[in-house]
Amino acid sequence: MQINEEREWEEIYKDNDTFWDHGEASPGLVDYLADNPDAPLGQALVPGCGLGHAARALARAGWTVTG
């Protein structure tokens, strides 16, 4: 897949051709949320959130999320 070529993102997701998706939020984010349950909550923007794993992890931790 070339970086600069035009893509049909809806079709890529429909075809489940998301080779970059590991099926879970980033381990660093998961670890941070688990290790810092008393961290102040806030708002998070997750641009290009794909299937939303990071957005869901943040929302479960109490954050207000836009993704």
C-alpha atoms as a PDB file:
ATOM      1  CA  MET A   1       0.000   0.000   0.000  1.00  0.00           C
ATOM      2  CA  GLN A   2       1.491   3.315  -1.094  1.00  0.00           C
ATOM      3  CA  ILE A   3       1.201   6.216   1.345  1.00  0.00           C
ATOM      4  CA  ASN A   4       0.224   8.832  -1.232  1.00  0.00           C
ATOM      5  CA  GLU A   5      -2.314   6.843  -3.211  1.00  0.00           C
ATOM      6  CA  GLU A   6      -6.016   7.592  -2.959  1.00  0.00           C
ATOM      7  CA  ARG A   7      -8.009   5.013  -0.978  1.00  0.00           C
ATOM      8  CA  GLU A   8     -11.606   4.031  -0.368  1.00  0.00           C
ATOM      9  CA  TRP A   9     -11.476   3.859   3.434  1.00  0.00           C
ATOM     10  CA  GLU A  10     -15.039   2.597   3.802  1.00  0.00           C
ATOM     11  CA  GLU A  11     -14.229  -0.372   1.564  1.00  0.00           C
ATOM     12  CA  ILE A  12     -10.992  -1.109   3.419  1.00  0.00           C
ATOM     13  CA  TYR A  13     -12.888  -1.351   6.708  1.00  0.00           C
ATOM     14  CA  LYS A  14     -15.787  -3.286   5.174  1.00  0.00           C
ATOM     15  CA  ASP A  15     -13.314  -5.806   3.728  1.00  0.00           C
ATOM     16  CA  ASN A  16     -11.604  -6.085   7.134  1.00  0.00           C
ATOM     17  CA  ASP A  17      -8.307  -5.182   5.444  1.00  0.00           C
ATOM     18  CA  THR A  18      -7.027  -3.240   8.454  1.00  0.00           C
ATOM     19  CA  PHE A  19      -3.642  -4.908   8.811  1.00  0.00           C
ATOM     20  CA  TRP A  20      -2.485  -2.100  11.132  1.00  0.00           C
ATOM     21  CA  ASP A  21      -5.247  -2.811  13.661  1.00  0.00           C
ATOM     22  CA  HIS A  22      -4.148  -5.116  16.481  1.00  0.00           C
ATOM     23  CA  GLY A  23      -7.615  -5.489  17.967  1.00  0.00           C
ATOM     24  CA  GLU A  24      -6.947  -3.553  21.162  1.00  0.00           C
ATOM     25  CA  ALA A  25      -5.858  -0.187  22.497  1.00  0.00           C
ATOM     26  CA  SER A  26      -2.174   0.630  22.605  1.00  0.00           C
ATOM     27  CA  PRO A  27      -0.480  -1.242  25.469  1.00  0.00           C
ATOM     28  CA  GLY A  28       1.057   2.032  26.661  1.00  0.00           C
ATOM     29  CA  LEU A  29      -2.375   3.635  26.991  1.00  0.00           C
ATOM     30  CA  VAL A  30      -3.848   0.586  28.711  1.00  0.00           C
ATOM     31  CA  ASP A  31      -0.928   0.484  31.159  1.00  0.00           C
ATOM     32  CA  TYR A  32      -1.154   4.215  31.869  1.00  0.00           C
ATOM     33  CA  LEU A  33      -4.887   4.046  32.591  1.00  0.00           C
ATOM     34  CA  ALA A  34      -4.432   0.997  34.842  1.00  0.00           C
ATOM     35  CA  ASP A  35      -1.468   2.505  36.714  1.00  0.00           C
ATOM     36  CA  ASN A  36      -3.085   5.931  37.192  1.00  0.00           C
ATOM     37  CA  PRO A  37      -6.717   5.373  38.192  1.00  0.00           C
ATOM     38  CA  ASP A  38      -6.742   8.641  40.162  1.00  0.00           C
ATOM     39  CA  ALA A  39      -5.404  10.783  37.313  1.00  0.00           C
ATOM     40  CA  PRO A  40      -7.671  13.748  36.588  1.00  0.00           C
ATOM     41  CA  LEU A  41     -10.241  13.006  33.909  1.00  0.00           C
ATOM     42  CA  GLY A  42     -10.689  15.220  30.900  1.00  0.00           C
ATOM     43  CA  GLN A  43     -11.551  15.284  27.253  1.00  0.00           C
ATOM     44  CA  ALA A  44      -9.698  13.337  24.605  1.00  0.00           C
ATOM     45  CA  LEU A  45      -9.664  13.662  20.835  1.00  0.00           C
ATOM     46  CA  VAL A  46      -8.559  10.497  19.052  1.00  0.00           C
ATOM     47  CA  PRO A  47      -8.093  11.531  15.415  1.00  0.00           C
ATOM     48  CA  GLY A  48      -8.070   8.702  12.917  1.00  0.00           C
ATOM     49  CA  CYS A  49      -9.447   6.418  15.612  1.00  0.00           C
ATOM     50  CA  GLY A  50     -10.022   3.504  13.232  1.00  0.00           C
ATOM     51  CA  LEU A  51     -12.075   0.886  15.049  1.00  0.00           C
ATOM     52  CA  GLY A  52     -12.001   2.947  18.239  1.00  0.00           C
ATOM     53  CA  HIS A  53      -9.991   0.764  20.611  1.00  0.00           C
ATOM     54  CA  ALA A  54      -8.184   3.704  22.249  1.00  0.00           C
ATOM     55  CA  ALA A  55     -11.360   5.796  22.357  1.00  0.00           C
ATOM     56  CA  ARG A  56     -13.245   3.002  24.128  1.00  0.00           C
ATOM     57  CA  ALA A  57     -10.421   2.460  26.626  1.00  0.00           C
ATOM     58  CA  LEU A  58     -10.438   6.154  27.509  1.00  0.00           C
ATOM     59  CA  ALA A  59     -14.238   6.253  27.756  1.00  0.00           C
ATOM     60  CA  ARG A  60     -14.275   3.216  30.059  1.00  0.00           C
ATOM     61  CA  ALA A  61     -11.793   5.054  32.281  1.00  0.00           C
ATOM     62  CA  GLY A  62     -14.224   7.989  32.530  1.00  0.00           C
ATOM     63  CA  TRP A  63     -12.915  10.346  29.892  1.00  0.00           C
ATOM     64  CA  THR A  64     -15.129  12.280  27.495  1.00  0.00           C
ATOM     65  CA  VAL A  65     -13.958  11.112  24.081  1.00  0.00           C
ATOM     66  CA  THR A  66     -14.386  12.236  20.497  1.00  0.00           C
ATOM     67  CA  GLY A  67     -13.046   9.853  17.923  1.00  0.00           C
END
